[in-house]
Protein backbone atom coordinates (compact mmCIF):
# COMPACT_ATOMS: atom_id res chain seq x y z
CA MET A 1 13.16 47.76 44.08
CA ILE A 2 14.88 50.54 41.91
CA VAL A 3 16.46 49.52 38.91
CA TYR A 4 19.26 52.10 37.89
CA LEU A 5 19.70 52.06 34.33
CA ALA A 6 23.78 52.38 33.50
CA ALA A 7 25.65 53.57 31.05
CA PHE A 8 23.63 56.88 29.50
CA GLU A 9 26.56 58.61 28.19
CA THR A 10 26.51 56.18 24.92
CA LEU A 11 22.75 57.38 24.41
CA LYS A 12 22.19 60.85 25.90
CA ARG A 13 24.06 62.81 22.99
CA TYR A 14 20.97 61.58 20.37
CA TYR A 15 18.47 61.17 23.16
CA GLU A 16 15.82 63.73 23.12
CA LYS A 17 12.93 62.49 25.30
CA PRO A 18 12.39 63.87 29.10
CA ILE A 19 14.33 61.85 31.40
CA ASP A 20 13.29 63.38 34.67
CA ASN A 21 11.57 60.77 36.53
CA VAL A 22 14.47 58.15 35.24
CA TYR A 23 16.92 56.29 37.93
CA PHE A 24 20.31 56.33 36.28
CA LEU A 25 23.70 54.90 37.49
CA SER A 26 26.76 56.88 36.23
CA SER A 27 30.39 56.43 36.93
CA PHE A 28 32.96 58.79 37.79
CA PHE A 29 35.44 57.43 35.08
CA GLU A 30 33.02 58.60 32.98
CA HIS A 31 33.01 61.82 34.05
CA LYS A 32 36.20 62.68 35.43
CA GLY A 33 38.28 64.09 31.81
CA LYS A 34 35.71 66.06 30.53
CA ARG A 35 35.06 70.18 31.44
CA GLY A 36 32.34 72.30 31.32
CA GLU A 37 28.71 71.72 32.89
CA ILE A 38 27.89 68.70 34.31
CA ASP A 39 24.58 67.06 33.19
CA ASP A 40 21.25 67.71 35.13
CA TYR A 41 20.85 63.49 35.53
CA ILE A 42 23.99 63.34 37.54
CA CYS A 43 22.88 65.98 39.87
CA GLY A 44 19.37 64.92 40.43
CA ASP A 45 17.89 62.24 43.54
CA LYS A 46 17.23 59.90 41.05
CA HIS A 47 20.78 58.86 40.27
CA ILE A 48 23.33 57.28 42.13
CA LEU A 49 27.12 56.96 41.52
CA ASP A 50 30.04 54.38 40.90
CA SER A 51 33.21 55.60 41.73
CA GLY A 52 34.58 53.87 37.98
CA ALA A 53 37.85 51.91 39.88
CA TYR A 54 36.73 48.63 38.23
CA SER A 55 37.07 50.19 34.80
CA THR A 56 40.87 49.96 35.13
CA PHE A 57 40.20 46.54 36.27
CA LYS A 58 40.99 45.47 32.56
CA ASN A 59 44.84 45.70 33.20
CA ILE A 60 45.74 44.98 36.74
CA ASP A 61 49.53 45.88 36.68
CA GLN A 62 48.37 49.33 34.84
CA ALA A 63 45.86 49.96 37.71
CA LYS A 64 49.07 49.52 40.39
CA LYS A 65 50.39 52.32 38.77
CA MET A 66 47.95 54.38 39.25
CA ASP A 67 47.91 57.84 41.49
CA TRP A 68 44.80 56.45 43.24
CA ASP A 69 45.53 59.26 46.39
CA ASP A 70 44.91 61.90 43.46
CA TYR A 71 41.78 59.76 42.27
CA VAL A 72 40.34 59.79 46.26
CA ASN A 73 40.36 63.48 46.07
CA LYS A 74 39.26 64.05 41.97
CA TYR A 75 36.63 61.82 43.09
CA ILE A 76 35.30 63.58 46.34
CA SER A 77 35.53 66.44 44.70
CA PHE A 78 33.02 65.65 41.94
CA ILE A 79 30.85 64.21 44.56
CA LYS A 80 31.11 67.68 46.38
CA LYS A 81 30.43 69.57 42.86
CA THR A 82 27.18 67.57 41.90
CA GLY A 83 26.10 67.24 45.29
CA GLN A 84 25.95 63.22 45.50
CA ARG A 85 23.99 61.52 47.96
CA LEU A 86 24.42 58.27 47.13
CA PHE A 87 27.92 56.84 46.23
CA PHE A 88 29.86 53.40 46.52
CA GLU A 89 33.54 53.02 47.52
CA LEU A 90 36.68 52.67 45.50
CA ASP A 91 36.50 48.73 45.73
CA ILE A 92 39.84 47.94 44.79
CA ASP A 93 40.69 45.46 47.48
CA ALA A 94 42.59 43.34 44.21
CA ILE A 95 44.99 46.10 43.61
CA VAL A 96 46.09 47.87 47.41
CA GLY A 97 44.44 45.64 49.76
CA LEU A 98 41.31 46.03 51.55
CA ASP A 99 43.62 48.38 54.53
CA LYS A 100 43.79 50.89 52.15
CA VAL A 101 40.05 50.76 50.82
CA GLU A 102 38.81 51.10 54.30
CA TYR A 103 41.51 53.93 55.01
CA TYR A 104 39.81 55.73 51.46
CA ARG A 105 36.62 54.89 52.51
CA LYS A 106 37.00 56.52 55.68
CA LYS A 107 38.46 59.73 54.08
CA ILE A 108 35.58 59.69 51.30
CA GLU A 109 32.99 60.04 54.89
CA ASP A 110 35.14 62.35 56.92
CA THR A 111 35.30 64.92 54.02
CA VAL A 112 31.94 64.23 52.66
CA GLY A 113 29.94 63.93 55.74
CA ILE A 114 28.53 60.63 53.94
CA GLN A 115 29.60 57.22 54.18
CA PRO A 116 30.30 55.37 51.02
CA ILE A 117 28.91 52.00 50.24
CA PRO A 118 30.90 49.67 50.87
CA VAL A 119 30.97 46.54 47.79
CA TRP A 120 31.52 43.20 49.11
CA HIS A 121 33.53 40.40 47.45
CA ALA A 122 33.83 37.22 47.42
CA SER A 123 37.66 38.01 49.02
CA ARG A 124 36.59 39.81 51.85
CA LYS A 125 34.77 36.44 53.51
CA TRP A 126 31.47 36.17 54.81
CA ASP A 127 31.96 37.88 58.21
CA TYR A 128 32.81 40.77 56.55
CA PHE A 129 29.54 41.41 54.88
CA GLU A 130 27.71 40.88 58.50
CA TYR A 131 30.20 44.19 59.57
CA MET A 132 29.10 46.09 56.41
CA CYS A 133 25.77 45.52 57.30
CA GLU A 134 26.05 46.07 61.20
CA ASN A 135 28.04 49.55 60.37
CA TYR A 136 26.42 51.39 57.12
CA PRO A 137 22.75 51.90 56.06
CA TYR A 138 23.29 50.67 52.59
CA VAL A 139 25.45 47.79 51.70
CA SER A 140 26.26 46.68 47.99
CA LEU A 141 27.41 42.96 46.40
CA GLY A 142 29.94 43.05 43.79
CA THR A 143 30.84 39.80 42.92
CA THR A 144 32.74 38.95 39.76
CA MET A 145 32.15 36.58 37.18
CA ALA A 146 35.91 36.34 36.72
CA ASN A 147 36.14 34.02 39.43
CA LYS A 148 34.55 30.58 40.12
CA GLN A 149 33.37 31.50 43.57
CA GLY A 150 32.00 34.76 42.10
CA LYS A 151 29.88 32.74 39.34
CA LEU A 152 28.83 30.17 42.28
CA ILE A 153 26.75 33.01 44.37
CA ARG A 154 25.55 35.22 41.56
CA LYS A 155 24.11 32.00 39.64
CA ASN A 156 22.54 31.03 43.26
CA PRO A 157 19.33 32.69 44.21
CA ASN A 158 19.48 30.73 47.64
CA VAL A 159 22.98 32.31 48.27
CA LEU A 160 21.78 35.74 47.07
CA LYS A 161 18.81 35.76 49.47
CA GLN A 162 20.79 34.77 52.41
CA PHE A 163 22.79 38.29 51.74
CA ILE A 164 19.63 40.21 51.22
CA HIS A 165 18.35 38.86 54.61
CA THR A 166 21.33 39.42 56.91
CA ALA A 167 21.25 42.96 55.11
CA HIS A 168 17.26 43.36 55.94
CA LYS A 169 17.88 41.97 59.48
CA ASN A 170 20.69 44.64 60.45
CA GLY A 171 17.75 47.38 59.03
CA CYS A 172 19.84 48.40 55.68
CA LYS A 173 19.89 48.17 52.26
CA ILE A 174 21.51 46.21 49.74
CA HIS A 175 22.46 47.03 45.95
CA GLY A 176 23.28 44.26 43.40
CA LEU A 177 25.55 45.59 41.29
CA GLY A 178 24.73 44.26 37.84
CA PHE A 179 22.01 41.97 38.92
CA THR A 180 19.31 42.43 36.39
CA ASP A 181 18.23 39.27 35.61
CA THR A 182 14.59 40.04 35.89
CA SER A 183 13.30 36.63 35.91
CA LEU A 184 15.53 36.28 39.41
CA LEU A 185 14.37 39.67 40.44
CA HIS A 186 10.62 38.88 41.58
CA GLU A 187 12.41 36.79 44.66
CA LEU A 188 15.65 38.33 44.96
CA LYS A 189 14.21 41.60 47.39
CA PHE A 190 17.27 43.66 46.41
CA ASP A 191 16.52 47.52 47.68
CA SER A 192 17.97 48.24 43.96
CA VAL A 193 20.19 46.74 41.41
CA ASP A 194 22.01 48.29 38.09
CA SER A 195 21.72 47.54 34.67
CA THR A 196 24.03 47.81 31.52
CA THR A 197 22.31 45.39 29.28
CA TRP A 198 20.34 47.64 27.69
CA ILE A 199 22.79 48.64 25.61
CA SER A 200 23.79 44.75 24.65
CA GLY A 201 21.50 45.96 21.51
CA ALA A 202 24.94 47.83 20.10
CA ARG A 203 26.78 44.89 21.52
CA TYR A 204 25.21 41.84 20.11
CA GLY A 205 22.17 43.34 17.89
CA GLN A 206 19.46 42.05 20.90
CA VAL A 207 16.01 43.86 20.88
CA TYR A 208 14.51 44.08 24.54
CA GLN A 209 11.06 43.64 25.26
CA PHE A 210 9.31 44.33 28.68
CA ASP A 211 6.46 41.63 28.72
CA GLY A 212 4.47 43.12 31.73
CA ALA A 213 6.98 41.54 34.25
CA LYS A 214 10.31 40.48 33.27
CA MET A 215 12.24 41.63 29.99
CA VAL A 216 12.56 39.39 27.08
CA HIS A 217 15.21 39.99 24.15
CA ILE A 218 15.18 38.72 20.85
CA THR A 219 18.67 37.91 19.34
CA PRO A 220 19.25 38.26 15.66
CA PRO A 221 19.68 34.93 13.44
CA LYS A 222 23.18 33.74 13.03
CA GLY A 223 24.85 36.32 10.55
CA MET A 224 22.52 39.24 10.92
CA ARG A 225 23.18 42.16 12.98
CA ALA A 226 21.44 45.56 13.84
CA THR A 227 23.10 47.97 11.12
CA ASP A 228 21.20 51.09 13.08
CA HIS A 229 22.88 51.23 16.84
CA LYS A 230 20.39 54.41 17.96
CA ILE A 231 17.29 53.09 17.34
CA VAL A 232 18.23 49.51 19.11
CA ASN A 233 19.73 51.10 21.79
CA THR A 234 16.84 53.94 22.46
CA ARG A 235 14.15 50.91 22.13
CA ASN A 236 15.49 49.12 24.34
CA PHE A 237 16.20 52.21 26.68
CA GLU A 238 12.98 52.79 26.39
CA GLU A 239 11.69 49.22 27.00
CA TRP A 240 13.60 48.86 29.91
CA VAL A 241 12.43 52.29 31.81
CA LYS A 242 9.00 50.71 31.01
CA PHE A 243 10.73 48.01 33.50
CA GLN A 244 11.87 50.04 36.03
CA LYS A 245 7.99 51.71 36.36
CA TYR A 246 7.10 48.41 36.87
CA ALA A 247 10.09 47.15 39.44
CA LEU A 248 9.50 50.73 41.68
CA LYS A 249 5.90 49.21 42.18
CA ASN A 250 5.76 45.79 42.32
CA LEU A 251 8.98 44.39 43.41
């Protein structure tokens, strides 16, 4: 299993050690406003690109006003410029509807020559997941914790196993978006997952450690927090890289 580490942009400005063998997920939303050269890790074969569309969901009304045609065109240009081989569709069903999502997905495929990874949400229903598995070499499960059905799916290993089994039965790979409960990944045979959990050191003061099979964290006593986020994030990142290497060989 590949465990892609997301949000490296928060660390890269002061991280000086080699990252050639680290698997990363980054978001087009992180890069679209930048000018100049693209970092090497984004163009490498250990990188998977998210559309960044979910970042707009913080304000649905604002998201509905966005020029999504322009966003898709810029996403396509970035994919071609950086030579991406693995990238997700714009799973913005809640904003533009599934028909338009499918239109954008097909436009990206026709322009780039590679099928985007479709992202299943509970609103698409089970039949659509089966359709995805029958028509795409890589699918992903992105059910949000923001609704009741999403919470039930994400917290139920037996349900998740059914998704994974269906994907593998159809000969396609499956990615678990944000599925990084390392105590469960031994039984959930995703082909890949991603995580931003390592940056919780800066958010909540948690310190992570790889115990040889899973990640464990130490939460500071109430009222106390880590003061140097650089040190905490660096340590947490390196511990998660250890788990990433373990997962490649053992999960």
